[in-house]
Amino acid sequence: YRDFMGWTIPWYSVPQESVDRLVANR
């Protein structure tokens, strides 16, 4: 999707094991 949109910003996905640590009930 990033490539289709032509976005050049650094792009990462958040694996399930990291969701609680980063999103933290948000």
PDB file of all heavy atoms in Angstrom:
ATOM      1  N   TYR A   1       0.837  -1.201   0.000  1.00  0.00           N
ATOM      2  CA  TYR A   1       0.000   0.000   0.000  1.00  0.00           C
ATOM      3  C   TYR A   1       0.870   1.248   0.000  1.00  0.00           C
ATOM      4  O   TYR A   1       0.612   2.208  -0.731  1.00  0.00           O
ATOM      5  CB  TYR A   1      -0.909  -0.016   1.224  1.00  0.00           C
ATOM      6  CG  TYR A   1      -1.980   1.051   1.236  1.00  0.00           C
ATOM      7  CD1 TYR A   1      -2.981   1.057   0.267  1.00  0.00           C
ATOM      8  CD2 TYR A   1      -2.013   2.033   2.213  1.00  0.00           C
ATOM      9  CE1 TYR A   1      -3.983   2.015   0.280  1.00  0.00           C
ATOM     10  CE2 TYR A   1      -3.006   2.992   2.236  1.00  0.00           C
ATOM     11  CZ  TYR A   1      -3.985   2.972   1.265  1.00  0.00           C
ATOM     12  OH  TYR A   1      -4.973   3.934   1.277  1.00  0.00           O
ATOM     13  N   ARG A   2       1.925   1.237   0.830  1.00  0.00           N
ATOM     14  CA  ARG A   2       2.872   2.362   0.838  1.00  0.00           C
ATOM     15  C   ARG A   2       3.427   2.599  -0.563  1.00  0.00           C
ATOM     16  O   ARG A   2       3.478   3.741  -1.043  1.00  0.00           O
ATOM     17  CB  ARG A   2       4.020   2.054   1.808  1.00  0.00           C
ATOM     18  CG  ARG A   2       5.153   3.067   1.791  1.00  0.00           C
ATOM     19  CD  ARG A   2       6.458   2.443   2.220  1.00  0.00           C
ATOM     20  NE  ARG A   2       6.815   1.315   1.360  1.00  0.00           N
ATOM     21  CZ  ARG A   2       7.714   0.400   1.662  1.00  0.00           C
ATOM     22  NH1 ARG A   2       8.343   0.457   2.820  1.00  0.00           N
ATOM     23  NH2 ARG A   2       7.973  -0.590   0.814  1.00  0.00           N
ATOM     24  N   ASP A   3       3.811   1.516  -1.251  1.00  0.00           N
ATOM     25  CA  ASP A   3       4.387   1.660  -2.593  1.00  0.00           C
ATOM     26  C   ASP A   3       3.352   2.172  -3.585  1.00  0.00           C
ATOM     27  O   ASP A   3       3.655   3.022  -4.429  1.00  0.00           O
ATOM     28  CB  ASP A   3       4.955   0.326  -3.057  1.00  0.00           C
ATOM     29  CG  ASP A   3       6.136  -0.136  -2.214  1.00  0.00           C
ATOM     30  OD1 ASP A   3       6.717   0.702  -1.487  1.00  0.00           O
ATOM     31  OD2 ASP A   3       6.463  -1.331  -2.268  1.00  0.00           O
ATOM     32  N   PHE A   4       2.130   1.652  -3.500  1.00  0.00           N
ATOM     33  CA  PHE A   4       1.049   2.121  -4.374  1.00  0.00           C
ATOM     34  C   PHE A   4       0.791   3.607  -4.184  1.00  0.00           C
ATOM     35  O   PHE A   4       0.621   4.363  -5.146  1.00  0.00           O
ATOM     36  CB  PHE A   4      -0.216   1.312  -4.081  1.00  0.00           C
ATOM     37  CG  PHE A   4      -1.500   1.939  -4.551  1.00  0.00           C
ATOM     38  CD1 PHE A   4      -1.713   2.239  -5.889  1.00  0.00           C
ATOM     39  CD2 PHE A   4      -2.511   2.233  -3.639  1.00  0.00           C
ATOM     40  CE1 PHE A   4      -2.908   2.831  -6.322  1.00  0.00           C
ATOM     41  CE2 PHE A   4      -3.694   2.809  -4.059  1.00  0.00           C
ATOM     42  CZ  PHE A   4      -3.892   3.108  -5.404  1.00  0.00           C
ATOM     43  N   MET A   5       0.823   4.060  -2.933  1.00  0.00           N
ATOM     44  CA  MET A   5       0.569   5.462  -2.646  1.00  0.00           C
ATOM     45  C   MET A   5       1.770   6.353  -2.969  1.00  0.00           C
ATOM     46  O   MET A   5       1.650   7.580  -2.992  1.00  0.00           O
ATOM     47  CB  MET A   5       0.183   5.638  -1.180  1.00  0.00           C
ATOM     48  CG  MET A   5      -1.155   5.002  -0.785  1.00  0.00           C
ATOM     49  SD  MET A   5      -2.551   5.637  -1.740  1.00  0.00           S
ATOM     50  CE  MET A   5      -2.489   7.377  -1.329  1.00  0.00           C
ATOM     51  N   GLY A   6       2.929   5.763  -3.216  1.00  0.00           N
ATOM     52  CA  GLY A   6       4.110   6.551  -3.531  1.00  0.00           C
ATOM     53  C   GLY A   6       4.739   7.215  -2.324  1.00  0.00           C
ATOM     54  O   GLY A   6       5.490   8.187  -2.463  1.00  0.00           O
ATOM     55  N   TRP A   7       4.463   6.689  -1.129  1.00  0.00           N
ATOM     56  CA  TRP A   7       5.034   7.258   0.084  1.00  0.00           C
ATOM     57  C   TRP A   7       6.484   6.831   0.236  1.00  0.00           C
ATOM     58  O   TRP A   7       6.839   5.677  -0.043  1.00  0.00           O
ATOM     59  CB  TRP A   7       4.232   6.811   1.312  1.00  0.00           C
ATOM     60  CG  TRP A   7       2.818   7.303   1.311  1.00  0.00           C
ATOM     61  CD1 TRP A   7       2.325   8.429   0.717  1.00  0.00           C
ATOM     62  CD2 TRP A   7       1.692   6.675   1.937  1.00  0.00           C
ATOM     63  NE1 TRP A   7       0.981   8.551   0.949  1.00  0.00           N
ATOM     64  CE2 TRP A   7       0.555   7.485   1.691  1.00  0.00           C
ATOM     65  CE3 TRP A   7       1.535   5.512   2.689  1.00  0.00           C
ATOM     66  CZ2 TRP A   7      -0.707   7.162   2.166  1.00  0.00           C
ATOM     67  CZ3 TRP A   7       0.272   5.182   3.155  1.00  0.00           C
ATOM     68  CH2 TRP A   7      -0.844   6.008   2.901  1.00  0.00           C
ATOM     69  N   THR A   8       7.323   7.733   0.678  1.00  0.00           N
ATOM     70  CA  THR A   8       8.757   7.457   0.821  1.00  0.00           C
ATOM     71  C   THR A   8       9.229   7.473   2.273  1.00  0.00           C
ATOM     72  O   THR A   8      10.408   7.281   2.533  1.00  0.00           O
ATOM     73  CB  THR A   8       9.570   8.481   0.015  1.00  0.00           C
ATOM     74  OG1 THR A   8       9.271   9.803   0.492  1.00  0.00           O
ATOM     75  CG2 THR A   8       9.241   8.394  -1.474  1.00  0.00           C
ATOM     76  N   ILE A   9       8.334   7.705   3.201  1.00  0.00           N
ATOM     77  CA  ILE A   9       8.707   7.766   4.617  1.00  0.00           C
ATOM     78  C   ILE A   9       9.076   6.373   5.127  1.00  0.00           C
ATOM     79  O   ILE A   9       8.583   5.363   4.616  1.00  0.00           O
ATOM     80  CB  ILE A   9       7.547   8.342   5.453  1.00  0.00           C
ATOM     81  CG1 ILE A   9       6.233   7.617   5.125  1.00  0.00           C
ATOM     82  CG2 ILE A   9       7.398   9.840   5.234  1.00  0.00           C
ATOM     83  CD1 ILE A   9       5.061   8.081   5.907  1.00  0.00           C
ATOM     84  N   PRO A  10       9.939   6.292   6.137  1.00  0.00           N
ATOM     85  CA  PRO A  10      10.261   4.995   6.736  1.00  0.00           C
ATOM     86  C   PRO A  10       8.987   4.281   7.210  1.00  0.00           C
ATOM     87  O   PRO A  10       8.123   4.898   7.837  1.00  0.00           O
ATOM     88  CB  PRO A  10      11.167   5.370   7.912  1.00  0.00           C
ATOM     89  CG  PRO A  10      11.806   6.656   7.490  1.00  0.00           C
ATOM     90  CD  PRO A  10      10.731   7.387   6.739  1.00  0.00           C
ATOM     91  N   TRP A  11       8.892   2.995   6.909  1.00  0.00           N
ATOM     92  CA  TRP A  11       7.654   2.241   7.117  1.00  0.00           C
ATOM     93  C   TRP A  11       7.939   0.940   7.857  1.00  0.00           C
ATOM     94  O   TRP A  11       8.813   0.178   7.456  1.00  0.00           O
ATOM     95  CB  TRP A  11       7.028   1.930   5.765  1.00  0.00           C
ATOM     96  CG  TRP A  11       5.642   1.363   5.823  1.00  0.00           C
ATOM     97  CD1 TRP A  11       5.290   0.049   5.972  1.00  0.00           C
ATOM     98  CD2 TRP A  11       4.424   2.097   5.721  1.00  0.00           C
ATOM     99  NE1 TRP A  11       3.918  -0.073   5.966  1.00  0.00           N
ATOM    100  CE2 TRP A  11       3.362   1.168   5.812  1.00  0.00           C
ATOM    101  CE3 TRP A  11       4.123   3.451   5.540  1.00  0.00           C
ATOM    102  CZ2 TRP A  11       2.024   1.547   5.747  1.00  0.00           C
ATOM    103  CZ3 TRP A  11       2.795   3.831   5.482  1.00  0.00           C
ATOM    104  CH2 TRP A  11       1.758   2.890   5.585  1.00  0.00           C
ATOM    105  N   TYR A  12       7.199   0.685   8.914  1.00  0.00           N
ATOM    106  CA  TYR A  12       7.351  -0.527   9.713  1.00  0.00           C
ATOM    107  C   TYR A  12       5.970  -1.034  10.114  1.00  0.00           C
ATOM    108  O   TYR A  12       5.027  -0.251  10.261  1.00  0.00           O
ATOM    109  CB  TYR A  12       8.171  -0.254  10.979  1.00  0.00           C
ATOM    110  CG  TYR A  12       9.546   0.290  10.687  1.00  0.00           C
ATOM    111  CD1 TYR A  12       9.753   1.669  10.593  1.00  0.00           C
ATOM    112  CD2 TYR A  12      10.625  -0.557  10.504  1.00  0.00           C
ATOM    113  CE1 TYR A  12      11.015   2.176  10.305  1.00  0.00           C
ATOM    114  CE2 TYR A  12      11.889  -0.056  10.219  1.00  0.00           C
ATOM    115  CZ  TYR A  12      12.071   1.311  10.116  1.00  0.00           C
ATOM    116  OH  TYR A  12      13.314   1.821   9.827  1.00  0.00           O
ATOM    117  N   SER A  13       5.856  -2.335  10.292  1.00  0.00           N
ATOM    118  CA  SER A  13       4.631  -2.883  10.861  1.00  0.00           C
ATOM    119  C   SER A  13       4.881  -3.248  12.316  1.00  0.00           C
ATOM    120  O   SER A  13       6.017  -3.508  12.731  1.00  0.00           O
ATOM    121  CB  SER A  13       4.161  -4.109  10.069  1.00  0.00           C
ATOM    122  OG  SER A  13       5.039  -5.198  10.253  1.00  0.00           O
ATOM    123  N   VAL A  14       3.811  -3.259  13.088  1.00  0.00           N
ATOM    124  CA  VAL A  14       3.886  -3.569  14.516  1.00  0.00           C
ATOM    125  C   VAL A  14       3.400  -5.000  14.713  1.00  0.00           C
ATOM    126  O   VAL A  14       2.201  -5.270  14.573  1.00  0.00           O
ATOM    127  CB  VAL A  14       3.018  -2.597  15.338  1.00  0.00           C
ATOM    128  CG1 VAL A  14       3.164  -2.882  16.823  1.00  0.00           C
ATOM    129  CG2 VAL A  14       3.390  -1.150  15.028  1.00  0.00           C
ATOM    130  N   PRO A  15       4.298  -5.938  15.014  1.00  0.00           N
ATOM    131  CA  PRO A  15       3.845  -7.311  15.247  1.00  0.00           C
ATOM    132  C   PRO A  15       2.993  -7.397  16.506  1.00  0.00           C
ATOM    133  O   PRO A  15       3.063  -6.533  17.388  1.00  0.00           O
ATOM    134  CB  PRO A  15       5.155  -8.092  15.407  1.00  0.00           C
ATOM    135  CG  PRO A  15       6.147  -7.075  15.861  1.00  0.00           C
ATOM    136  CD  PRO A  15       5.742  -5.780  15.224  1.00  0.00           C
ATOM    137  N   GLN A  16       2.191  -8.442  16.588  1.00  0.00           N
ATOM    138  CA  GLN A  16       1.262  -8.565  17.702  1.00  0.00           C
ATOM    139  C   GLN A  16       1.968  -8.520  19.051  1.00  0.00           C
ATOM    140  O   GLN A  16       1.458  -7.946  20.018  1.00  0.00           O
ATOM    141  CB  GLN A  16       0.468  -9.869  17.568  1.00  0.00           C
ATOM    142  CG  GLN A  16      -0.731  -9.950  18.498  1.00  0.00           C
ATOM    143  CD  GLN A  16      -1.716  -8.798  18.274  1.00  0.00           C
ATOM    144  OE1 GLN A  16      -2.054  -8.475  17.141  1.00  0.00           O
ATOM    145  NE2 GLN A  16      -2.181  -8.187  19.358  1.00  0.00           N
ATOM    146  N   GLU A  17       3.170  -9.081  19.125  1.00  0.00           N
ATOM    147  CA  GLU A  17       3.890  -9.110  20.397  1.00  0.00           C
ATOM    148  C   GLU A  17       4.293  -7.716  20.879  1.00  0.00           C
ATOM    149  O   GLU A  17       4.605  -7.523  22.065  1.00  0.00           O
ATOM    150  CB  GLU A  17       5.158  -9.957  20.255  1.00  0.00           C
ATOM    151  CG  GLU A  17       6.161  -9.370  19.278  1.00  0.00           C
ATOM    152  CD  GLU A  17       7.367 -10.254  19.055  1.00  0.00           C
ATOM    153  OE1 GLU A  17       8.230 -10.320  19.954  1.00  0.00           O
ATOM    154  OE2 GLU A  17       7.436 -10.863  17.978  1.00  0.00           O
ATOM    155  N   SER A  18       4.276  -6.727  19.959  1.00  0.00           N
ATOM    156  CA  SER A  18       4.704  -5.377  20.324  1.00  0.00           C
ATOM    157  C   SER A  18       3.556  -4.403  20.525  1.00  0.00           C
ATOM    158  O   SER A  18       3.770  -3.283  20.979  1.00  0.00           O
ATOM    159  CB  SER A  18       5.633  -4.828  19.229  1.00  0.00           C
ATOM    160  OG  SER A  18       6.770  -5.643  19.084  1.00  0.00           O
ATOM    161  N   VAL A  19       2.339  -4.828  20.186  1.00  0.00           N
ATOM    162  CA  VAL A  19       1.196  -3.913  20.258  1.00  0.00           C
ATOM    163  C   VAL A  19       0.990  -3.395  21.672  1.00  0.00           C
ATOM    164  O   VAL A  19       0.860  -2.178  21.894  1.00  0.00           O
ATOM    165  CB  VAL A  19      -0.082  -4.592  19.724  1.00  0.00           C
ATOM    166  CG1 VAL A  19      -1.303  -3.723  20.005  1.00  0.00           C
ATOM    167  CG2 VAL A  19       0.036  -4.862  18.234  1.00  0.00           C
ATOM    168  N   ASP A  20       0.962  -4.285  22.652  1.00  0.00           N
ATOM    169  CA  ASP A  20       0.709  -3.843  24.027  1.00  0.00           C
ATOM    170  C   ASP A  20       1.807  -2.910  24.527  1.00  0.00           C
ATOM    171  O   ASP A  20       1.533  -1.958  25.268  1.00  0.00           O
ATOM    172  CB  ASP A  20       0.598  -5.052  24.956  1.00  0.00           C
ATOM    173  CG  ASP A  20      -0.713  -5.814  24.778  1.00  0.00           C
ATOM    174  OD1 ASP A  20      -1.633  -5.251  24.161  1.00  0.00           O
ATOM    175  OD2 ASP A  20      -0.791  -6.972  25.236  1.00  0.00           O
ATOM    176  N   ARG A  21       3.036  -3.150  24.142  1.00  0.00           N
ATOM    177  CA  ARG A  21       4.148  -2.333  24.605  1.00  0.00           C
ATOM    178  C   ARG A  21       4.117  -0.919  24.029  1.00  0.00           C
ATOM    179  O   ARG A  21       4.500   0.038  24.699  1.00  0.00           O
ATOM    180  CB  ARG A  21       5.482  -3.004  24.242  1.00  0.00           C
ATOM    181  CG  ARG A  21       5.798  -4.216  25.073  1.00  0.00           C
ATOM    182  CD  ARG A  21       7.220  -4.671  24.797  1.00  0.00           C
ATOM    183  NE  ARG A  21       7.238  -5.957  24.111  1.00  0.00           N
ATOM    184  CZ  ARG A  21       8.350  -6.571  23.705  1.00  0.00           C
ATOM    185  NH1 ARG A  21       9.527  -5.991  23.904  1.00  0.00           N
ATOM    186  NH2 ARG A  21       8.290  -7.736  23.114  1.00  0.00           N
ATOM    187  N   LEU A  22       3.652  -0.790  22.789  1.00  0.00           N
ATOM    188  CA  LEU A  22       3.686   0.508  22.118  1.00  0.00           C
ATOM    189  C   LEU A  22       2.337   1.222  22.138  1.00  0.00           C
ATOM    190  O   LEU A  22       2.265   2.428  22.369  1.00  0.00           O
ATOM    191  CB  LEU A  22       4.152   0.335  20.673  1.00  0.00           C
ATOM    192  CG  LEU A  22       5.584  -0.180  20.481  1.00  0.00           C
ATOM    193  CD1 LEU A  22       5.884  -0.379  19.003  1.00  0.00           C
ATOM    194  CD2 LEU A  22       6.590   0.773  21.107  1.00  0.00           C
ATOM    195  N   VAL A  23       1.273   0.483  21.881  1.00  0.00           N
ATOM    196  CA  VAL A  23      -0.048   1.104  21.817  1.00  0.00           C
ATOM    197  C   VAL A  23      -0.621   1.285  23.220  1.00  0.00           C
ATOM    198  O   VAL A  23      -1.322   2.272  23.492  1.00  0.00           O
ATOM    199  CB  VAL A  23      -0.994   0.283  20.916  1.00  0.00           C
ATOM    200  CG1 VAL A  23      -2.381   0.907  20.862  1.00  0.00           C
ATOM    201  CG2 VAL A  23      -0.415   0.170  19.505  1.00  0.00           C
ATOM    202  N   ALA A  24      -0.331   0.344  24.113  1.00  0.00           N
ATOM    203  CA  ALA A  24      -0.611   0.501  25.543  1.00  0.00           C
ATOM    204  C   ALA A  24      -2.045   0.917  25.842  1.00  0.00           C
ATOM    205  O   ALA A  24      -2.301   1.997  26.369  1.00  0.00           O
ATOM    206  CB  ALA A  24       0.374   1.501  26.157  1.00  0.00           C
ATOM    207  N   ASN A  25      -2.989   0.033  25.500  1.00  0.00           N
ATOM    208  CA  ASN A  25      -4.411   0.249  25.798  1.00  0.00           C
ATOM    209  C   ASN A  25      -5.009   1.452  25.069  1.00  0.00           C
ATOM    210  O   ASN A  25      -6.035   1.981  25.499  1.00  0.00           O
ATOM    211  CB  ASN A  25      -4.638   0.393  27.310  1.00  0.00           C
ATOM    212  CG  ASN A  25      -4.285  -0.871  28.060  1.00  0.00           C
ATOM    213  OD1 ASN A  25      -4.637  -1.965  27.642  1.00  0.00           O
ATOM    214  ND2 ASN A  25      -3.568  -0.721  29.165  1.00  0.00           N
ATOM    215  N   ARG A  26      -4.355   1.893  23.997  1.00  0.00           N
ATOM    216  CA  ARG A  26      -4.937   2.939  23.151  1.00  0.00           C
ATOM    217  C   ARG A  26      -5.390   2.271  21.856  1.00  0.00           C
ATOM    218  O   ARG A  26      -6.055   1.240  21.916  1.00  0.00           O
ATOM    219  CB  ARG A  26      -3.905   4.053  22.927  1.00  0.00           C
ATOM    220  CG  ARG A  26      -3.582   4.818  24.223  1.00  0.00           C
ATOM    221  CD  ARG A  26      -2.378   5.715  24.108  1.00  0.00           C
ATOM    222  NE  ARG A  26      -1.143   4.960  23.924  1.00  0.00           N
ATOM    223  CZ  ARG A  26       0.073   5.499  23.917  1.00  0.00           C
ATOM    224  NH1 ARG A  26       0.227   6.808  24.075  1.00  0.00           N
ATOM    225  NH2 ARG A  26       1.145   4.752  23.754  1.00  0.00           N
TER     226      ARG A  26
END
